[in-house]
């Protein structure tokens, strides 16, 4: 007999909780209807996972590199 821990998370919970506004949303929702935040799959606690925003990470890396290049050019 399977225990409750062996079941997939989407079979355990009837809905998931938005990580931004904490509203309960349907399991298949990709965007929260309350705050318009992108949400991922449900975890084992019933909360939606935050999807990675690779564009934001790339933009931050470019900005940090530009800052270091400017500091090197301006001060050295």
C-alpha atoms as a PDB file:
ATOM      1  CA  UNK A   1       0.000   0.000   0.000  1.00  0.00           C
ATOM      2  CA  UNK A   2       1.384   3.418  -0.967  1.00  0.00           C
ATOM      3  CA  UNK A   3       1.808   6.067   1.680  1.00  0.00           C
ATOM      4  CA  UNK A   4       0.745   9.675   1.291  1.00  0.00           C
ATOM      5  CA  UNK A   5       4.380  10.720   0.759  1.00  0.00           C
ATOM      6  CA  UNK A   6       4.596   8.520  -2.353  1.00  0.00           C
ATOM      7  CA  UNK A   7       1.797  10.373  -4.167  1.00  0.00           C
ATOM      8  CA  UNK A   8       2.717  13.166  -6.601  1.00  0.00           C
ATOM      9  CA  UNK A   9       2.090  16.677  -5.292  1.00  0.00           C
ATOM     10  CA  UNK A  10      -0.556  17.490  -7.890  1.00  0.00           C
ATOM     11  CA  UNK A  11      -2.638  14.514  -6.690  1.00  0.00           C
ATOM     12  CA  UNK A  12      -2.411  15.583  -3.041  1.00  0.00           C
ATOM     13  CA  UNK A  13      -3.735  19.135  -3.322  1.00  0.00           C
ATOM     14  CA  UNK A  14      -6.918  20.442  -4.995  1.00  0.00           C
ATOM     15  CA  UNK A  15      -5.321  23.862  -5.624  1.00  0.00           C
ATOM     16  CA  UNK A  16      -2.009  25.666  -5.176  1.00  0.00           C
ATOM     17  CA  UNK A  17      -1.069  28.861  -3.368  1.00  0.00           C
ATOM     18  CA  UNK A  18       0.514  31.770  -5.250  1.00  0.00           C
ATOM     19  CA  UNK A  19       4.005  32.569  -3.877  1.00  0.00           C
ATOM     20  CA  UNK A  20       3.442  36.326  -4.350  1.00  0.00           C
ATOM     21  CA  UNK A  21      -0.071  37.108  -3.073  1.00  0.00           C
ATOM     22  CA  UNK A  22      -0.885  33.780  -1.339  1.00  0.00           C
ATOM     23  CA  UNK A  23      -4.193  33.378  -3.190  1.00  0.00           C
ATOM     24  CA  UNK A  24      -5.427  29.870  -3.906  1.00  0.00           C
ATOM     25  CA  UNK A  25      -5.427  29.184  -7.643  1.00  0.00           C
ATOM     26  CA  UNK A  26      -6.208  26.141  -9.823  1.00  0.00           C
ATOM     27  CA  UNK A  27      -3.472  23.535 -10.260  1.00  0.00           C
ATOM     28  CA  UNK A  28      -3.217  24.073 -14.020  1.00  0.00           C
ATOM     29  CA  UNK A  29      -2.879  27.880 -13.793  1.00  0.00           C
ATOM     30  CA  UNK A  30       0.352  29.333 -15.171  1.00  0.00           C
ATOM     31  CA  UNK A  31      -0.451  32.928 -14.141  1.00  0.00           C
ATOM     32  CA  UNK A  32      -2.077  34.009 -10.889  1.00  0.00           C
ATOM     33  CA  UNK A  33      -5.426  35.699 -11.663  1.00  0.00           C
ATOM     34  CA  UNK A  34      -5.058  38.006  -8.648  1.00  0.00           C
ATOM     35  CA  UNK A  35      -1.543  39.442  -9.048  1.00  0.00           C
ATOM     36  CA  UNK A  36      -0.619  38.302 -12.609  1.00  0.00           C
ATOM     37  CA  UNK A  37       2.595  36.626 -11.367  1.00  0.00           C
ATOM     38  CA  UNK A  38       3.895  33.593 -13.253  1.00  0.00           C
ATOM     39  CA  UNK A  39       3.635  30.429 -11.169  1.00  0.00           C
ATOM     40  CA  UNK A  40       5.056  26.953 -11.616  1.00  0.00           C
ATOM     41  CA  UNK A  41       4.013  23.507 -10.490  1.00  0.00           C
ATOM     42  CA  UNK A  42       2.738  22.755  -7.004  1.00  0.00           C
ATOM     43  CA  UNK A  43       5.252  21.519  -4.422  1.00  0.00           C
ATOM     44  CA  UNK A  44       4.543  18.970  -1.699  1.00  0.00           C
ATOM     45  CA  UNK A  45       3.324  21.710   0.688  1.00  0.00           C
ATOM     46  CA  UNK A  46       0.657  23.018  -1.708  1.00  0.00           C
ATOM     47  CA  UNK A  47       2.516  26.173  -2.763  1.00  0.00           C
ATOM     48  CA  UNK A  48       3.310  27.044  -6.346  1.00  0.00           C
ATOM     49  CA  UNK A  49       6.992  27.104  -7.241  1.00  0.00           C
ATOM     50  CA  UNK A  50       8.455  30.320  -8.602  1.00  0.00           C
ATOM     51  CA  UNK A  51       9.730  29.788 -12.137  1.00  0.00           C
ATOM     52  CA  UNK A  52      13.254  31.004 -12.869  1.00  0.00           C
ATOM     53  CA  UNK A  53      13.434  34.265 -14.774  1.00  0.00           C
ATOM     54  CA  UNK A  54      16.556  33.774 -16.891  1.00  0.00           C
ATOM     55  CA  UNK A  55      16.159  37.123 -18.671  1.00  0.00           C
ATOM     56  CA  UNK A  56      16.380  38.963 -15.346  1.00  0.00           C
ATOM     57  CA  UNK A  57      19.473  36.986 -14.300  1.00  0.00           C
ATOM     58  CA  UNK A  58      21.118  37.720 -17.642  1.00  0.00           C
ATOM     59  CA  UNK A  59      20.266  41.431 -17.420  1.00  0.00           C
ATOM     60  CA  UNK A  60      21.695  41.600 -13.887  1.00  0.00           C
ATOM     61  CA  UNK A  61      24.908  39.854 -14.973  1.00  0.00           C
ATOM     62  CA  UNK A  62      25.341  42.273 -17.899  1.00  0.00           C
ATOM     63  CA  UNK A  63      24.717  45.269 -15.622  1.00  0.00           C
ATOM     64  CA  UNK A  64      27.252  44.050 -13.048  1.00  0.00           C
ATOM     65  CA  UNK A  65      29.843  43.397 -15.768  1.00  0.00           C
ATOM     66  CA  UNK A  66      29.243  46.872 -17.239  1.00  0.00           C
ATOM     67  CA  UNK A  67      29.689  48.412 -13.791  1.00  0.00           C
ATOM     68  CA  UNK A  68      33.017  46.636 -13.228  1.00  0.00           C
ATOM     69  CA  UNK A  69      34.244  47.602 -16.702  1.00  0.00           C
ATOM     70  CA  UNK A  70      33.311  51.230 -16.034  1.00  0.00           C
ATOM     71  CA  UNK A  71      35.080  51.205 -12.640  1.00  0.00           C
ATOM     72  CA  UNK A  72      38.189  49.688 -14.214  1.00  0.00           C
ATOM     73  CA  UNK A  73      38.136  52.292 -17.017  1.00  0.00           C
ATOM     74  CA  UNK A  74      37.415  55.254 -14.710  1.00  0.00           C
ATOM     75  CA  UNK A  75      39.737  54.520 -11.806  1.00  0.00           C
ATOM     76  CA  UNK A  76      42.617  52.395 -13.089  1.00  0.00           C
END
